[in-house]
Amino acid sequence: AQTSLPPTQLPIDPSGLGIPATVSRTVQDAIRRDDWRTAEA
């Protein structure tokens, strides 16, 4: 715990990624729910 680099959580703005709006909303909703498996898929 002491020697590992600290966890880093960077913000993601799906609306600025050039992806379809429906996918962007899915990703945004998944991030809001902390559902990173859905977001990464």
PDB file of all heavy atoms in Angstrom:
ATOM      1  N   ALA A   1       0.810  -1.202   0.000  1.00  0.00           N
ATOM      2  CA  ALA A   1       0.000   0.000   0.000  1.00  0.00           C
ATOM      3  C   ALA A   1       0.841   1.247   0.000  1.00  0.00           C
ATOM      4  O   ALA A   1       0.482   2.253  -0.582  1.00  0.00           O
ATOM      5  CB  ALA A   1      -0.912   0.007   1.222  1.00  0.00           C
ATOM      6  N   GLN A   2       1.993   1.173   0.645  1.00  0.00           N
ATOM      7  CA  GLN A   2       2.803   2.383   0.715  1.00  0.00           C
ATOM      8  C   GLN A   2       3.620   2.582  -0.545  1.00  0.00           C
ATOM      9  O   GLN A   2       3.814   3.700  -0.993  1.00  0.00           O
ATOM     10  CB  GLN A   2       3.742   2.313   1.927  1.00  0.00           C
ATOM     11  CG  GLN A   2       4.449   3.640   2.174  1.00  0.00           C
ATOM     12  CD  GLN A   2       5.624   3.494   3.065  1.00  0.00           C
ATOM     13  OE1 GLN A   2       6.182   2.422   3.181  1.00  0.00           O
ATOM     14  NE2 GLN A   2       6.022   4.569   3.697  1.00  0.00           N
ATOM     15  N   THR A   3       4.152   1.470  -1.130  1.00  0.00           N
ATOM     16  CA  THR A   3       5.070   1.640  -2.234  1.00  0.00           C
ATOM     17  C   THR A   3       4.390   1.747  -3.581  1.00  0.00           C
ATOM     18  O   THR A   3       4.962   2.257  -4.516  1.00  0.00           O
ATOM     19  CB  THR A   3       6.053   0.475  -2.307  1.00  0.00           C
ATOM     20  OG1 THR A   3       5.304  -0.727  -2.423  1.00  0.00           O
ATOM     21  CG2 THR A   3       6.887   0.380  -1.059  1.00  0.00           C
ATOM     22  N   SER A   4       3.193   1.235  -3.717  1.00  0.00           N
ATOM     23  CA  SER A   4       2.516   1.324  -4.993  1.00  0.00           C
ATOM     24  C   SER A   4       2.204   2.775  -5.317  1.00  0.00           C
ATOM     25  O   SER A   4       1.927   3.573  -4.433  1.00  0.00           O
ATOM     26  CB  SER A   4       1.212   0.513  -4.961  1.00  0.00           C
ATOM     27  OG  SER A   4       1.479  -0.844  -4.748  1.00  0.00           O
ATOM     28  N   LEU A   5       2.231   3.100  -6.607  1.00  0.00           N
ATOM     29  CA  LEU A   5       1.828   4.433  -7.002  1.00  0.00           C
ATOM     30  C   LEU A   5       0.364   4.634  -6.645  1.00  0.00           C
ATOM     31  O   LEU A   5      -0.432   3.704  -6.719  1.00  0.00           O
ATOM     32  CB  LEU A   5       2.032   4.606  -8.510  1.00  0.00           C
ATOM     33  CG  LEU A   5       3.468   4.458  -9.005  1.00  0.00           C
ATOM     34  CD1 LEU A   5       3.492   4.619 -10.517  1.00  0.00           C
ATOM     35  CD2 LEU A   5       4.376   5.468  -8.353  1.00  0.00           C
ATOM     36  N   PRO A   6      -0.010   5.834  -6.258  1.00  0.00           N
ATOM     37  CA  PRO A   6      -1.393   6.060  -5.850  1.00  0.00           C
ATOM     38  C   PRO A   6      -2.361   5.871  -7.007  1.00  0.00           C
ATOM     39  O   PRO A   6      -2.041   6.182  -8.156  1.00  0.00           O
ATOM     40  CB  PRO A   6      -1.393   7.517  -5.381  1.00  0.00           C
ATOM     41  CG  PRO A   6      -0.209   8.127  -6.028  1.00  0.00           C
ATOM     42  CD  PRO A   6       0.804   7.033  -6.174  1.00  0.00           C
ATOM     43  N   PRO A   7      -3.558   5.337  -6.741  1.00  0.00           N
ATOM     44  CA  PRO A   7      -4.536   5.176  -7.804  1.00  0.00           C
ATOM     45  C   PRO A   7      -4.854   6.534  -8.434  1.00  0.00           C
ATOM     46  O   PRO A   7      -4.905   7.544  -7.756  1.00  0.00           O
ATOM     47  CB  PRO A   7      -5.757   4.600  -7.092  1.00  0.00           C
ATOM     48  CG  PRO A   7      -5.239   4.043  -5.817  1.00  0.00           C
ATOM     49  CD  PRO A   7      -4.053   4.868  -5.448  1.00  0.00           C
ATOM     50  N   THR A   8      -5.027   6.522  -9.735  1.00  0.00           N
ATOM     51  CA  THR A   8      -5.318   7.754 -10.442  1.00  0.00           C
ATOM     52  C   THR A   8      -6.621   7.578 -11.206  1.00  0.00           C
ATOM     53  O   THR A   8      -6.745   6.662 -12.001  1.00  0.00           O
ATOM     54  CB  THR A   8      -4.184   8.098 -11.431  1.00  0.00           C
ATOM     55  OG1 THR A   8      -2.964   8.184 -10.697  1.00  0.00           O
ATOM     56  CG2 THR A   8      -4.438   9.405 -12.129  1.00  0.00           C
ATOM     57  N   GLN A   9      -7.590   8.436 -10.944  1.00  0.00           N
ATOM     58  CA  GLN A   9      -8.835   8.395 -11.683  1.00  0.00           C
ATOM     59  C   GLN A   9      -8.957   9.687 -12.461  1.00  0.00           C
ATOM     60  O   GLN A   9      -9.085  10.769 -11.884  1.00  0.00           O
ATOM     61  CB  GLN A   9     -10.036   8.213 -10.748  1.00  0.00           C
ATOM     62  CG  GLN A   9     -11.357   8.115 -11.503  1.00  0.00           C
ATOM     63  CD  GLN A   9     -12.490   7.636 -10.632  1.00  0.00           C
ATOM     64  OE1 GLN A   9     -12.250   7.052  -9.578  1.00  0.00           O
ATOM     65  NE2 GLN A   9     -13.712   7.879 -11.033  1.00  0.00           N
ATOM     66  N   LEU A  10      -8.898   9.580 -13.765  1.00  0.00           N
ATOM     67  CA  LEU A  10      -8.974  10.752 -14.621  1.00  0.00           C
ATOM     68  C   LEU A  10     -10.386  10.887 -15.183  1.00  0.00           C
ATOM     69  O   LEU A  10     -11.046   9.881 -15.464  1.00  0.00           O
ATOM     70  CB  LEU A  10      -7.974  10.628 -15.772  1.00  0.00           C
ATOM     71  CG  LEU A  10      -6.511  10.450 -15.362  1.00  0.00           C
ATOM     72  CD1 LEU A  10      -5.627  10.379 -16.597  1.00  0.00           C
ATOM     73  CD2 LEU A  10      -6.064  11.572 -14.457  1.00  0.00           C
ATOM     74  N   PRO A  11     -10.852  12.095 -15.363  1.00  0.00           N
ATOM     75  CA  PRO A  11     -12.213  12.276 -15.887  1.00  0.00           C
ATOM     76  C   PRO A  11     -12.295  11.896 -17.357  1.00  0.00           C
ATOM     77  O   PRO A  11     -11.327  12.022 -18.112  1.00  0.00           O
ATOM     78  CB  PRO A  11     -12.460  13.771 -15.682  1.00  0.00           C
ATOM     79  CG  PRO A  11     -11.105  14.386 -15.681  1.00  0.00           C
ATOM     80  CD  PRO A  11     -10.186  13.372 -15.053  1.00  0.00           C
ATOM     81  N   ILE A  12     -13.450  11.414 -17.745  1.00  0.00           N
ATOM     82  CA  ILE A  12     -13.739  11.103 -19.139  1.00  0.00           C
ATOM     83  C   ILE A  12     -14.978  11.896 -19.544  1.00  0.00           C
ATOM     84  O   ILE A  12     -15.997  11.840 -18.861  1.00  0.00           O
ATOM     85  CB  ILE A  12     -13.995   9.597 -19.350  1.00  0.00           C
ATOM     86  CG1 ILE A  12     -12.758   8.769 -19.010  1.00  0.00           C
ATOM     87  CG2 ILE A  12     -14.437   9.314 -20.783  1.00  0.00           C
ATOM     88  CD1 ILE A  12     -13.003   7.270 -19.070  1.00  0.00           C
ATOM     89  N   ASP A  13     -14.871  12.592 -20.657  1.00  0.00           N
ATOM     90  CA  ASP A  13     -16.027  13.303 -21.216  1.00  0.00           C
ATOM     91  C   ASP A  13     -16.414  12.602 -22.516  1.00  0.00           C
ATOM     92  O   ASP A  13     -15.846  12.881 -23.577  1.00  0.00           O
ATOM     93  CB  ASP A  13     -15.688  14.765 -21.472  1.00  0.00           C
ATOM     94  CG  ASP A  13     -16.861  15.526 -22.090  1.00  0.00           C
ATOM     95  OD1 ASP A  13     -17.980  14.961 -22.126  1.00  0.00           O
ATOM     96  OD2 ASP A  13     -16.651  16.668 -22.551  1.00  0.00           O
ATOM     97  N   PRO A  14     -17.347  11.655 -22.466  1.00  0.00           N
ATOM     98  CA  PRO A  14     -17.688  10.888 -23.669  1.00  0.00           C
ATOM     99  C   PRO A  14     -18.159  11.762 -24.826  1.00  0.00           C
ATOM    100  O   PRO A  14     -17.980  11.395 -25.996  1.00  0.00           O
ATOM    101  CB  PRO A  14     -18.806   9.955 -23.188  1.00  0.00           C
ATOM    102  CG  PRO A  14     -18.640   9.883 -21.716  1.00  0.00           C
ATOM    103  CD  PRO A  14     -18.135  11.228 -21.299  1.00  0.00           C
ATOM    104  N   SER A  15     -18.749  12.921 -24.525  1.00  0.00           N
ATOM    105  CA  SER A  15     -19.276  13.769 -25.594  1.00  0.00           C
ATOM    106  C   SER A  15     -18.173  14.347 -26.470  1.00  0.00           C
ATOM    107  O   SER A  15     -18.436  14.809 -27.578  1.00  0.00           O
ATOM    108  CB  SER A  15     -20.109  14.909 -25.005  1.00  0.00           C
ATOM    109  OG  SER A  15     -19.296  15.778 -24.226  1.00  0.00           O
ATOM    110  N   GLY A  16     -16.936  14.325 -25.985  1.00  0.00           N
ATOM    111  CA  GLY A  16     -15.837  14.881 -26.768  1.00  0.00           C
ATOM    112  C   GLY A  16     -14.973  13.849 -27.437  1.00  0.00           C
ATOM    113  O   GLY A  16     -13.849  14.177 -27.869  1.00  0.00           O
ATOM    114  N   LEU A  17     -15.451  12.629 -27.562  1.00  0.00           N
ATOM    115  CA  LEU A  17     -14.630  11.543 -28.100  1.00  0.00           C
ATOM    116  C   LEU A  17     -14.939  11.206 -29.551  1.00  0.00           C
ATOM    117  O   LEU A  17     -14.316  10.292 -30.107  1.00  0.00           O
ATOM    118  CB  LEU A  17     -14.803  10.280 -27.236  1.00  0.00           C
ATOM    119  CG  LEU A  17     -14.393  10.407 -25.765  1.00  0.00           C
ATOM    120  CD1 LEU A  17     -14.671   9.100 -25.019  1.00  0.00           C
ATOM    121  CD2 LEU A  17     -12.919  10.782 -25.658  1.00  0.00           C
ATOM    122  N   GLY A  18     -15.887  11.893 -30.132  1.00  0.00           N
ATOM    123  CA  GLY A  18     -16.229  11.609 -31.523  1.00  0.00           C
ATOM    124  C   GLY A  18     -16.931  10.286 -31.708  1.00  0.00           C
ATOM    125  O   GLY A  18     -16.754   9.619 -32.749  1.00  0.00           O
ATOM    126  N   ILE A  19     -17.724   9.869 -30.738  1.00  0.00           N
ATOM    127  CA  ILE A  19     -18.465   8.612 -30.823  1.00  0.00           C
ATOM    128  C   ILE A  19     -19.954   8.928 -30.936  1.00  0.00           C
ATOM    129  O   ILE A  19     -20.391  10.043 -30.606  1.00  0.00           O
ATOM    130  CB  ILE A  19     -18.196   7.711 -29.597  1.00  0.00           C
ATOM    131  CG1 ILE A  19     -18.569   8.423 -28.291  1.00  0.00           C
ATOM    132  CG2 ILE A  19     -16.728   7.311 -29.559  1.00  0.00           C
ATOM    133  CD1 ILE A  19     -18.342   7.588 -27.030  1.00  0.00           C
ATOM    134  N   PRO A  20     -20.768   7.974 -31.394  1.00  0.00           N
ATOM    135  CA  PRO A  20     -22.208   8.241 -31.528  1.00  0.00           C
ATOM    136  C   PRO A  20     -22.836   8.687 -30.210  1.00  0.00           C
ATOM    137  O   PRO A  20     -22.412   8.259 -29.131  1.00  0.00           O
ATOM    138  CB  PRO A  20     -22.767   6.892 -31.987  1.00  0.00           C
ATOM    139  CG  PRO A  20     -21.630   6.214 -32.672  1.00  0.00           C
ATOM    140  CD  PRO A  20     -20.403   6.646 -31.917  1.00  0.00           C
ATOM    141  N   ALA A  21     -23.849   9.519 -30.319  1.00  0.00           N
ATOM    142  CA  ALA A  21     -24.487  10.079 -29.126  1.00  0.00           C
ATOM    143  C   ALA A  21     -25.068   8.989 -28.228  1.00  0.00           C
ATOM    144  O   ALA A  21     -25.010   9.083 -26.995  1.00  0.00           O
ATOM    145  CB  ALA A  21     -25.580  11.062 -29.540  1.00  0.00           C
ATOM    146  N   THR A  22     -25.597   7.935 -28.829  1.00  0.00           N
ATOM    147  CA  THR A  22     -26.180   6.869 -28.010  1.00  0.00           C
ATOM    148  C   THR A  22     -25.093   6.162 -27.189  1.00  0.00           C
ATOM    149  O   THR A  22     -25.311   5.834 -26.020  1.00  0.00           O
ATOM    150  CB  THR A  22     -26.898   5.842 -28.899  1.00  0.00           C
ATOM    151  OG1 THR A  22     -25.983   5.373 -29.917  1.00  0.00           O
ATOM    152  CG2 THR A  22     -28.121   6.446 -29.557  1.00  0.00           C
ATOM    153  N   VAL A  23     -23.949   5.938 -27.812  1.00  0.00           N
ATOM    154  CA  VAL A  23     -22.826   5.312 -27.101  1.00  0.00           C
ATOM    155  C   VAL A  23     -22.307   6.260 -26.024  1.00  0.00           C
ATOM    156  O   VAL A  23     -22.012   5.841 -24.895  1.00  0.00           O
ATOM    157  CB  VAL A  23     -21.698   4.933 -28.077  1.00  0.00           C
ATOM    158  CG1 VAL A  23     -20.520   4.314 -27.312  1.00  0.00           C
ATOM    159  CG2 VAL A  23     -22.204   3.973 -29.136  1.00  0.00           C
ATOM    160  N   SER A  24     -22.221   7.531 -26.354  1.00  0.00           N
ATOM    161  CA  SER A  24     -21.762   8.526 -25.386  1.00  0.00           C
ATOM    162  C   SER A  24     -22.648   8.531 -24.157  1.00  0.00           C
ATOM    163  O   SER A  24     -22.160   8.571 -23.018  1.00  0.00           O
ATOM    164  CB  SER A  24     -21.747   9.911 -26.038  1.00  0.00           C
ATOM    165  OG  SER A  24     -21.393  10.894 -25.095  1.00  0.00           O
ATOM    166  N   ARG A  25     -23.955   8.462 -24.357  1.00  0.00           N
ATOM    167  CA  ARG A  25     -24.872   8.451 -23.205  1.00  0.00           C
ATOM    168  C   ARG A  25     -24.712   7.172 -22.383  1.00  0.00           C
ATOM    169  O   ARG A  25     -24.773   7.201 -21.146  1.00  0.00           O
ATOM    170  CB  ARG A  25     -26.314   8.603 -23.688  1.00  0.00           C
ATOM    171  CG  ARG A  25     -26.652  10.010 -24.154  1.00  0.00           C
ATOM    172  CD  ARG A  25     -28.155  10.181 -24.319  1.00  0.00           C
ATOM    173  NE  ARG A  25     -28.677   9.344 -25.401  1.00  0.00           N
ATOM    174  CZ  ARG A  25     -28.753   9.734 -26.676  1.00  0.00           C
ATOM    175  NH1 ARG A  25     -28.339  10.944 -27.027  1.00  0.00           N
ATOM    176  NH2 ARG A  25     -29.264   8.926 -27.591  1.00  0.00           N
ATOM    177  N   THR A  26     -24.517   6.058 -23.074  1.00  0.00           N
ATOM    178  CA  THR A  26     -24.312   4.783 -22.363  1.00  0.00           C
ATOM    179  C   THR A  26     -23.063   4.850 -21.493  1.00  0.00           C
ATOM    180  O   THR A  26     -23.076   4.431 -20.327  1.00  0.00           O
ATOM    181  CB  THR A  26     -24.178   3.625 -23.364  1.00  0.00           C
ATOM    182  OG1 THR A  26     -25.397   3.505 -24.103  1.00  0.00           O
ATOM    183  CG2 THR A  26     -23.880   2.313 -22.647  1.00  0.00           C
ATOM    184  N   VAL A  27     -21.984   5.395 -22.048  1.00  0.00           N
ATOM    185  CA  VAL A  27     -20.730   5.501 -21.304  1.00  0.00           C
ATOM    186  C   VAL A  27     -20.899   6.460 -20.128  1.00  0.00           C
ATOM    187  O   VAL A  27     -20.466   6.167 -19.010  1.00  0.00           O
ATOM    188  CB  VAL A  27     -19.592   5.967 -22.228  1.00  0.00           C
ATOM    189  CG1 VAL A  27     -18.326   6.263 -21.427  1.00  0.00           C
ATOM    190  CG2 VAL A  27     -19.308   4.915 -23.295  1.00  0.00           C
ATOM    191  N   GLN A  28     -21.529   7.609 -20.377  1.00  0.00           N
ATOM    192  CA  GLN A  28     -21.721   8.587 -19.309  1.00  0.00           C
ATOM    193  C   GLN A  28     -22.540   8.002 -18.165  1.00  0.00           C
ATOM    194  O   GLN A  28     -22.213   8.184 -16.988  1.00  0.00           O
ATOM    195  CB  GLN A  28     -22.415   9.830 -19.861  1.00  0.00           C
ATOM    196  CG  GLN A  28     -22.511  10.982 -18.869  1.00  0.00           C
ATOM    197  CD  GLN A  28     -21.147  11.520 -18.505  1.00  0.00           C
ATOM    198  OE1 GLN A  28     -20.386  11.938 -19.368  1.00  0.00           O
ATOM    199  NE2 GLN A  28     -20.814  11.501 -17.233  1.00  0.00           N
ATOM    200  N   ASP A  29     -23.593   7.284 -18.500  1.00  0.00           N
ATOM    201  CA  ASP A  29     -24.435   6.669 -17.477  1.00  0.00           C
ATOM    202  C   ASP A  29     -23.664   5.598 -16.712  1.00  0.00           C
ATOM    203  O   ASP A  29     -23.783   5.490 -15.487  1.00  0.00           O
ATOM    204  CB  ASP A  29     -25.677   6.060 -18.133  1.00  0.00           C
ATOM    205  CG  ASP A  29     -26.613   5.433 -17.109  1.00  0.00           C
ATOM    206  OD1 ASP A  29     -27.117   6.179 -16.236  1.00  0.00           O
ATOM    207  OD2 ASP A  29     -26.817   4.198 -17.158  1.00  0.00           O
ATOM    208  N   ALA A  30     -22.845   4.815 -17.421  1.00  0.00           N
ATOM    209  CA  ALA A  30     -22.060   3.764 -16.754  1.00  0.00           C
ATOM    210  C   ALA A  30     -21.048   4.379 -15.789  1.00  0.00           C
ATOM    211  O   ALA A  30     -20.867   3.880 -14.668  1.00  0.00           O
ATOM    212  CB  ALA A  30     -21.339   2.915 -17.800  1.00  0.00           C
ATOM    213  N   ILE A  31     -20.402   5.452 -16.205  1.00  0.00           N
ATOM    214  CA  ILE A  31     -19.433   6.115 -15.325  1.00  0.00           C
ATOM    215  C   ILE A  31     -20.138   6.663 -14.088  1.00  0.00           C
ATOM    216  O   ILE A  31     -19.632   6.546 -12.969  1.00  0.00           O
ATOM    217  CB  ILE A  31     -18.701   7.237 -16.087  1.00  0.00           C
ATOM    218  CG1 ILE A  31     -17.823   6.640 -17.185  1.00  0.00           C
ATOM    219  CG2 ILE A  31     -17.862   8.082 -15.127  1.00  0.00           C
ATOM    220  CD1 ILE A  31     -17.214   7.676 -18.105  1.00  0.00           C
ATOM    221  N   ARG A  32     -21.316   7.246 -14.300  1.00  0.00           N
ATOM    222  CA  ARG A  32     -22.065   7.799 -13.172  1.00  0.00           C
ATOM    223  C   ARG A  32     -22.418   6.709 -12.155  1.00  0.00           C
ATOM    224  O   ARG A  32     -22.445   6.947 -10.954  1.00  0.00           O
ATOM    225  CB  ARG A  32     -23.316   8.497 -13.687  1.00  0.00           C
ATOM    226  CG  ARG A  32     -24.068   9.278 -12.630  1.00  0.00           C
ATOM    227  CD  ARG A  32     -25.074  10.248 -13.246  1.00  0.00           C
ATOM    228  NE  ARG A  32     -25.845   9.644 -14.332  1.00  0.00           N
ATOM    229  CZ  ARG A  32     -25.749  10.017 -15.612  1.00  0.00           C
ATOM    230  NH1 ARG A  32     -24.913  10.969 -15.965  1.00  0.00           N
ATOM    231  NH2 ARG A  32     -26.495   9.434 -16.529  1.00  0.00           N
ATOM    232  N   ARG A  33     -22.676   5.493 -12.656  1.00  0.00           N
ATOM    233  CA  ARG A  33     -23.009   4.366 -11.778  1.00  0.00           C
ATOM    234  C   ARG A  33     -21.764   3.606 -11.304  1.00  0.00           C
ATOM    235  O   ARG A  33     -21.884   2.588 -10.640  1.00  0.00           O
ATOM    236  CB  ARG A  33     -23.951   3.406 -12.495  1.00  0.00           C
ATOM    237  CG  ARG A  33     -25.337   3.986 -12.758  1.00  0.00           C
ATOM    238  CD  ARG A  33     -26.261   2.983 -13.430  1.00  0.00           C
ATOM    239  NE  ARG A  33     -25.952   2.766 -14.841  1.00  0.00           N
ATOM    240  CZ  ARG A  33     -25.364   1.698 -15.334  1.00  0.00           C
ATOM    241  NH1 ARG A  33     -25.001   0.702 -14.547  1.00  0.00           N
ATOM    242  NH2 ARG A  33     -25.131   1.589 -16.639  1.00  0.00           N
ATOM    243  N   ASP A  34     -20.581   4.089 -11.695  1.00  0.00           N
ATOM    244  CA  ASP A  34     -19.318   3.431 -11.372  1.00  0.00           C
ATOM    245  C   ASP A  34     -19.266   2.016 -11.963  1.00  0.00           C
ATOM    246  O   ASP A  34     -18.663   1.109 -11.399  1.00  0.00           O
ATOM    247  CB  ASP A  34     -19.111   3.376  -9.848  1.00  0.00           C
ATOM    248  CG  ASP A  34     -17.639   3.234  -9.481  1.00  0.00           C
ATOM    249  OD1 ASP A  34     -16.782   3.715 -10.244  1.00  0.00           O
ATOM    250  OD2 ASP A  34     -17.342   2.628  -8.433  1.00  0.00           O
ATOM    251  N   ASP A  35     -19.907   1.852 -13.109  1.00  0.00           N
ATOM    252  CA  ASP A  35     -19.950   0.576 -13.822  1.00  0.00           C
ATOM    253  C   ASP A  35     -18.900   0.631 -14.932  1.00  0.00           C
ATOM    254  O   ASP A  35     -19.216   0.845 -16.110  1.00  0.00           O
ATOM    255  CB  ASP A  35     -21.347   0.348 -14.389  1.00  0.00           C
ATOM    256  CG  ASP A  35     -21.465  -0.968 -15.146  1.00  0.00           C
ATOM    257  OD1 ASP A  35     -20.481  -1.745 -15.164  1.00  0.00           O
ATOM    258  OD2 ASP A  35     -22.543  -1.210 -15.748  1.00  0.00           O
ATOM    259  N   TRP A  36     -17.653   0.405 -14.546  1.00  0.00           N
ATOM    260  CA  TRP A  36     -16.563   0.565 -15.497  1.00  0.00           C
ATOM    261  C   TRP A  36     -16.496  -0.567 -16.505  1.00  0.00           C
ATOM    262  O   TRP A  36     -15.950  -0.396 -17.601  1.00  0.00           O
ATOM    263  CB  TRP A  36     -15.242   0.721 -14.753  1.00  0.00           C
ATOM    264  CG  TRP A  36     -15.159   2.054 -14.087  1.00  0.00           C
ATOM    265  CD1 TRP A  36     -15.392   2.356 -12.775  1.00  0.00           C
ATOM    266  CD2 TRP A  36     -14.858   3.300 -14.728  1.00  0.00           C
ATOM    267  NE1 TRP A  36     -15.247   3.700 -12.555  1.00  0.00           N
ATOM    268  CE2 TRP A  36     -14.914   4.305 -13.732  1.00  0.00           C
ATOM    269  CE3 TRP A  36     -14.540   3.669 -16.034  1.00  0.00           C
ATOM    270  CZ2 TRP A  36     -14.669   5.649 -14.014  1.00  0.00           C
ATOM    271  CZ3 TRP A  36     -14.287   4.999 -16.321  1.00  0.00           C
ATOM    272  CH2 TRP A  36     -14.353   5.975 -15.314  1.00  0.00           C
ATOM    273  N   ARG A  37     -17.050  -1.722 -16.182  1.00  0.00           N
ATOM    274  CA  ARG A  37     -17.069  -2.821 -17.163  1.00  0.00           C
ATOM    275  C   ARG A  37     -17.926  -2.440 -18.371  1.00  0.00           C
ATOM    276  O   ARG A  37     -17.545  -2.685 -19.521  1.00  0.00           O
ATOM    277  CB  ARG A  37     -17.603  -4.098 -16.513  1.00  0.00           C
ATOM    278  CG  ARG A  37     -16.736  -4.649 -15.385  1.00  0.00           C
ATOM    279  CD  ARG A  37     -15.407  -5.126 -15.925  1.00  0.00           C
ATOM    280  NE  ARG A  37     -14.552  -5.644 -14.883  1.00  0.00           N
ATOM    281  CZ  ARG A  37     -14.504  -6.929 -14.505  1.00  0.00           C
ATOM    282  NH1 ARG A  37     -15.297  -7.815 -15.088  1.00  0.00           N
ATOM    283  NH2 ARG A  37     -13.663  -7.315 -13.567  1.00  0.00           N
ATOM    284  N   THR A  38     -19.075  -1.828 -18.114  1.00  0.00           N
ATOM    285  CA  THR A  38     -19.923  -1.390 -19.223  1.00  0.00           C
ATOM    286  C   THR A  38     -19.265  -0.258 -19.997  1.00  0.00           C
ATOM    287  O   THR A  38     -19.280  -0.236 -21.236  1.00  0.00           O
ATOM    288  CB  THR A  38     -21.293  -0.937 -18.693  1.00  0.00           C
ATOM    289  OG1 THR A  38     -21.963  -2.055 -18.101  1.00  0.00           O
ATOM    290  CG2 THR A  38     -22.162  -0.359 -19.803  1.00  0.00           C
ATOM    291  N   ALA A  39     -18.644   0.674 -19.262  1.00  0.00           N
ATOM    292  CA  ALA A  39     -17.980   1.798 -19.922  1.00  0.00           C
ATOM    293  C   ALA A  39     -16.860   1.309 -20.824  1.00  0.00           C
ATOM    294  O   ALA A  39     -16.731   1.758 -21.981  1.00  0.00           O
ATOM    295  CB  ALA A  39     -17.441   2.768 -18.880  1.00  0.00           C
ATOM    296  N   GLU A  40     -16.041   0.392 -20.334  1.00  0.00           N
ATOM    297  CA  GLU A  40     -14.916  -0.061 -21.160  1.00  0.00           C
ATOM    298  C   GLU A  40     -15.401  -0.877 -22.355  1.00  0.00           C
ATOM    299  O   GLU A  40     -14.812  -0.780 -23.439  1.00  0.00           O
ATOM    300  CB  GLU A  40     -13.907  -0.856 -20.316  1.00  0.00           C
ATOM    301  CG  GLU A  40     -14.369  -2.211 -19.865  1.00  0.00           C
ATOM    302  CD  GLU A  40     -13.262  -3.041 -19.206  1.00  0.00           C
ATOM    303  OE1 GLU A  40     -12.082  -2.773 -19.440  1.00  0.00           O
ATOM    304  OE2 GLU A  40     -13.624  -3.977 -18.454  1.00  0.00           O
ATOM    305  N   ALA A  41     -16.474  -1.659 -22.183  1.00  0.00           N
ATOM    306  CA  ALA A  41     -16.985  -2.441 -23.308  1.00  0.00           C
ATOM    307  C   ALA A  41     -17.497  -1.532 -24.421  1.00  0.00           C
ATOM    308  O   ALA A  41     -17.235  -1.772 -25.613  1.00  0.00           O
ATOM    309  CB  ALA A  41     -18.097  -3.369 -22.821  1.00  0.00           C
TER     310      ALA A  41
END
